C-alpha atoms as a PDB file:
ATOM      1  CA  MET A   1      -0.182   0.188  -0.128  1.00  0.00           C
ATOM      2  CA  THR A   2       1.313   3.368  -0.928  1.00  0.00           C
ATOM      3  CA  LYS A   3      -0.663   5.930   0.662  1.00  0.00           C
ATOM      4  CA  PRO A   4      -2.173   4.399   3.361  1.00  0.00           C
ATOM      5  CA  ILE A   5      -5.117   5.521   5.619  1.00  0.00           C
ATOM      6  CA  LEU A   6      -4.272   6.680   9.345  1.00  0.00           C
ATOM      7  CA  ARG A   7      -6.159   4.676  12.071  1.00  0.00           C
ATOM      8  CA  HIS A   8      -6.733   4.273  15.198  1.00  0.00           C
ATOM      9  CA  SER A   9      -8.157   0.971  16.524  1.00  0.00           C
ATOM     10  CA  HIS A  10     -10.540   3.068  19.048  1.00  0.00           C
ATOM     11  CA  PRO A  11     -12.021   6.090  19.318  1.00  0.00           C
ATOM     12  CA  ALA A  12     -10.621   8.317  22.202  1.00  0.00           C
ATOM     13  CA  SER A  13     -13.711   8.413  24.642  1.00  0.00           C
ATOM     14  CA  LEU A  14     -13.167   4.372  24.886  1.00  0.00           C
ATOM     15  CA  VAL A  15      -9.259   4.427  25.013  1.00  0.00           C
ATOM     16  CA  PRO A  16      -6.824   6.885  25.983  1.00  0.00           C
ATOM     17  CA  LEU A  17      -4.723   7.569  22.745  1.00  0.00           C
ATOM     18  CA  PRO A  18      -0.905   7.988  23.237  1.00  0.00           C
ATOM     19  CA  LYS A  19       0.552  11.678  21.542  1.00  0.00           C
ATOM     20  CA  GLN A  20       1.608  10.615  18.347  1.00  0.00           C
ATOM     21  CA  GLY A  21       4.122  12.613  16.042  1.00  0.00           C
ATOM     22  CA  VAL A  22       2.872  11.813  12.864  1.00  0.00           C
ATOM     23  CA  PRO A  23       3.780  14.218   9.872  1.00  0.00           C
ATOM     24  CA  SER A  24       0.688  14.809   7.415  1.00  0.00           C
ATOM     25  CA  ARG A  25       1.318  13.234   3.905  1.00  0.00           C
ATOM     26  CA  GLY A  26      -1.804  14.121   2.364  1.00  0.00           C
ATOM     27  CA  TRP A  27      -3.456  10.343   2.179  1.00  0.00           C
ATOM     28  CA  GLY A  28      -6.361  11.386   4.468  1.00  0.00           C
ATOM     29  CA  ASP A  29      -7.414   9.921   7.958  1.00  0.00           C
ATOM     30  CA  ASP A  30     -10.385   7.515   8.703  1.00  0.00           C
ATOM     31  CA  ASN A  31     -12.222   9.042  12.186  1.00  0.00           C
ATOM     32  CA  TRP A  32     -14.473   7.869  14.692  1.00  0.00           C
ATOM     33  CA  VAL A  33     -17.610  10.299  15.505  1.00  0.00           C
ATOM     34  CA  GLN A  34     -19.402   9.646  18.749  1.00  0.00           C
ATOM     35  CA  ILE A  35     -23.090   9.886  17.352  1.00  0.00           C
ATOM     36  CA  THR A  36     -25.343  12.889  18.797  1.00  0.00           C
ATOM     37  CA  ASP A  37     -28.069  13.136  17.186  1.00  0.00           C
ATOM     38  CA  ARG A  38     -29.988  10.935  14.348  1.00  0.00           C
ATOM     39  CA  SER A  39     -32.295  11.909  11.293  1.00  0.00           C
ATOM     40  CA  GLY A  40     -33.535   9.346   8.559  1.00  0.00           C
ATOM     41  CA  ASN A  41     -30.229   8.596   6.924  1.00  0.00           C
ATOM     42  CA  TYR A  42     -28.257  11.509   8.580  1.00  0.00           C
ATOM     43  CA  PHE A  43     -26.167  11.306  11.511  1.00  0.00           C
ATOM     44  CA  CYS A  44     -24.546  14.453  13.618  1.00  0.00           C
ATOM     45  CA  GLY A  45     -22.013  13.357  15.870  1.00  0.00           C
ATOM     46  CA  VAL A  46     -18.289  14.729  17.435  1.00  0.00           C
ATOM     47  CA  VAL A  47     -14.774  13.924  15.578  1.00  0.00           C
ATOM     48  CA  ASP A  48     -13.486  11.435  19.016  1.00  0.00           C
ATOM     49  CA  ASN A  49      -9.819  10.928  17.428  1.00  0.00           C
ATOM     50  CA  PRO A  50      -6.897  12.944  17.276  1.00  0.00           C
ATOM     51  CA  LEU A  51      -6.351  13.565  12.961  1.00  0.00           C
ATOM     52  CA  VAL A  52      -3.537  14.521  11.350  1.00  0.00           C
ATOM     53  CA  GLU A  53      -4.722  15.465   8.013  1.00  0.00           C
ATOM     54  CA  GLY A  54      -6.588  18.369   9.044  1.00  0.00           C
ATOM     55  CA  ARG A  55      -5.444  20.392   6.341  1.00  0.00           C
ATOM     56  CA  LEU A  56      -6.958  18.378   3.726  1.00  0.00           C
ATOM     57  CA  HIS A  57     -10.606  18.141   5.605  1.00  0.00           C
ATOM     58  CA  GLY A  58     -10.795  20.894   7.940  1.00  0.00           C
ATOM     59  CA  MET A  59     -11.642  18.910  10.924  1.00  0.00           C
ATOM     60  CA  LYS A  60     -10.249  18.277  14.397  1.00  0.00           C
ATOM     61  CA  GLN A  61     -10.975  16.279  17.026  1.00  0.00           C
ATOM     62  CA  GLY A  62     -13.907  17.524  19.395  1.00  0.00           C
ATOM     63  CA  ASP A  63     -15.150  19.314  15.803  1.00  0.00           C
ATOM     64  CA  GLU A  64     -19.278  18.556  15.614  1.00  0.00           C
ATOM     65  CA  ILE A  65     -19.899  16.730  11.999  1.00  0.00           C
ATOM     66  CA  MET A  66     -23.035  16.050   9.818  1.00  0.00           C
ATOM     67  CA  PHE A  67     -22.874  12.623   7.565  1.00  0.00           C
ATOM     68  CA  HIS A  68     -25.264  10.124   5.433  1.00  0.00           C
ATOM     69  CA  GLU A  69     -24.980   6.274   6.459  1.00  0.00           C
ATOM     70  CA  ASP A  70     -23.470   5.497   3.596  1.00  0.00           C
ATOM     71  CA  HIS A  71     -19.867   6.981   5.286  1.00  0.00           C
ATOM     72  CA  ILE A  72     -20.010   4.680   7.821  1.00  0.00           C
ATOM     73  CA  LEU A  73     -16.911   2.067   7.521  1.00  0.00           C
ATOM     74  CA  ALA A  74     -17.308   0.764  10.886  1.00  0.00           C
ATOM     75  CA  VAL A  75     -19.372   0.368  14.233  1.00  0.00           C
ATOM     76  CA  HIS A  76     -17.016  -0.232  17.688  1.00  0.00           C
ATOM     77  CA  ASP A  77     -16.676  -3.784  18.403  1.00  0.00           C
ATOM     78  CA  ILE A  78     -18.435  -2.764  21.854  1.00  0.00           C
ATOM     79  CA  HIS A  79     -21.661  -2.257  20.147  1.00  0.00           C
ATOM     80  CA  ARG A  80     -22.097  -4.995  17.432  1.00  0.00           C
ATOM     81  CA  GLN A  81     -24.200  -7.499  19.879  1.00  0.00           C
ATOM     82  CA  GLU A  82     -26.366  -4.590  20.819  1.00  0.00           C
ATOM     83  CA  LEU A  83     -26.628  -3.780  17.686  1.00  0.00           C
ATOM     84  CA  VAL A  84     -27.856  -6.992  16.767  1.00  0.00           C
ATOM     85  CA  LEU A  85     -29.836  -7.983  19.999  1.00  0.00           C
ATOM     86  CA  GLY A  86     -31.655  -4.934  18.351  1.00  0.00           C
ATOM     87  CA  MET A  87     -33.085  -6.439  15.753  1.00  0.00           C
ATOM     88  CA  ASP A  88     -36.063  -7.673  14.118  1.00  0.00           C
ATOM     89  CA  VAL A  89     -36.611 -10.772  12.874  1.00  0.00           C
ATOM     90  CA  ALA A  90     -36.676  -9.464   9.429  1.00  0.00           C
ATOM     91  CA  ASP A  91     -33.442  -7.128   9.949  1.00  0.00           C
ATOM     92  CA  LEU A  92     -31.949 -10.648  11.069  1.00  0.00           C
ATOM     93  CA  LYS A  93     -32.990 -11.964   7.487  1.00  0.00           C
ATOM     94  CA  GLU A  94     -31.504  -9.351   5.241  1.00  0.00           C
ATOM     95  CA  LEU A  95     -28.442  -9.031   7.422  1.00  0.00           C
ATOM     96  CA  ALA A  96     -27.890 -12.971   6.818  1.00  0.00           C
ATOM     97  CA  GLN A  97     -28.666 -12.147   2.880  1.00  0.00           C
ATOM     98  CA  TRP A  98     -25.930  -9.654   3.156  1.00  0.00           C
ATOM     99  CA  ILE A  99     -23.010 -11.603   4.435  1.00  0.00           C
ATOM    100  CA  GLY A 100     -23.879 -14.717   1.977  1.00  0.00           C
ATOM    101  CA  ARG A 101     -23.797 -11.999  -1.012  1.00  0.00           C
ATOM    102  CA  MET A 102     -20.365 -10.104   0.277  1.00  0.00           C
ATOM    103  CA  ARG A 103     -19.338 -14.265   1.075  1.00  0.00           C
ATOM    104  CA  GLN A 104     -20.356 -15.217  -2.656  1.00  0.00           C
ATOM    105  CA  GLU A 105     -18.753 -11.827  -4.131  1.00  0.00           C
ATOM    106  CA  SER A 106     -15.462 -12.822  -2.818  1.00  0.00           C
ATOM    107  CA  ASN A 107     -15.057 -15.919  -3.393  1.00  0.00           C
ATOM    108  CA  ASP A 108     -15.906 -15.099  -7.315  1.00  0.00           C
END
């Protein structure tokens, strides 16, 4: 990988993150967001980890941002069980079908 995306395994609100002296390289950041509100497919939240590429995207830890659900790359591990337990039978069936499609696509 020639241009890695800088990322943290955990949000700052869950795990104390060490200070990092990472230089900006113009490659981008992933960021954790602590969700504060939702309206349909849109979320509002607070950036929950340090970012080094602020000159590219203008964001920093603590900034409030709004985004579409399509922009979610991951949900923290401690919340996954909670999400599944909150699903009804139709949601679970849809999840199982989606997982099946993803597995099939990865095998093709």
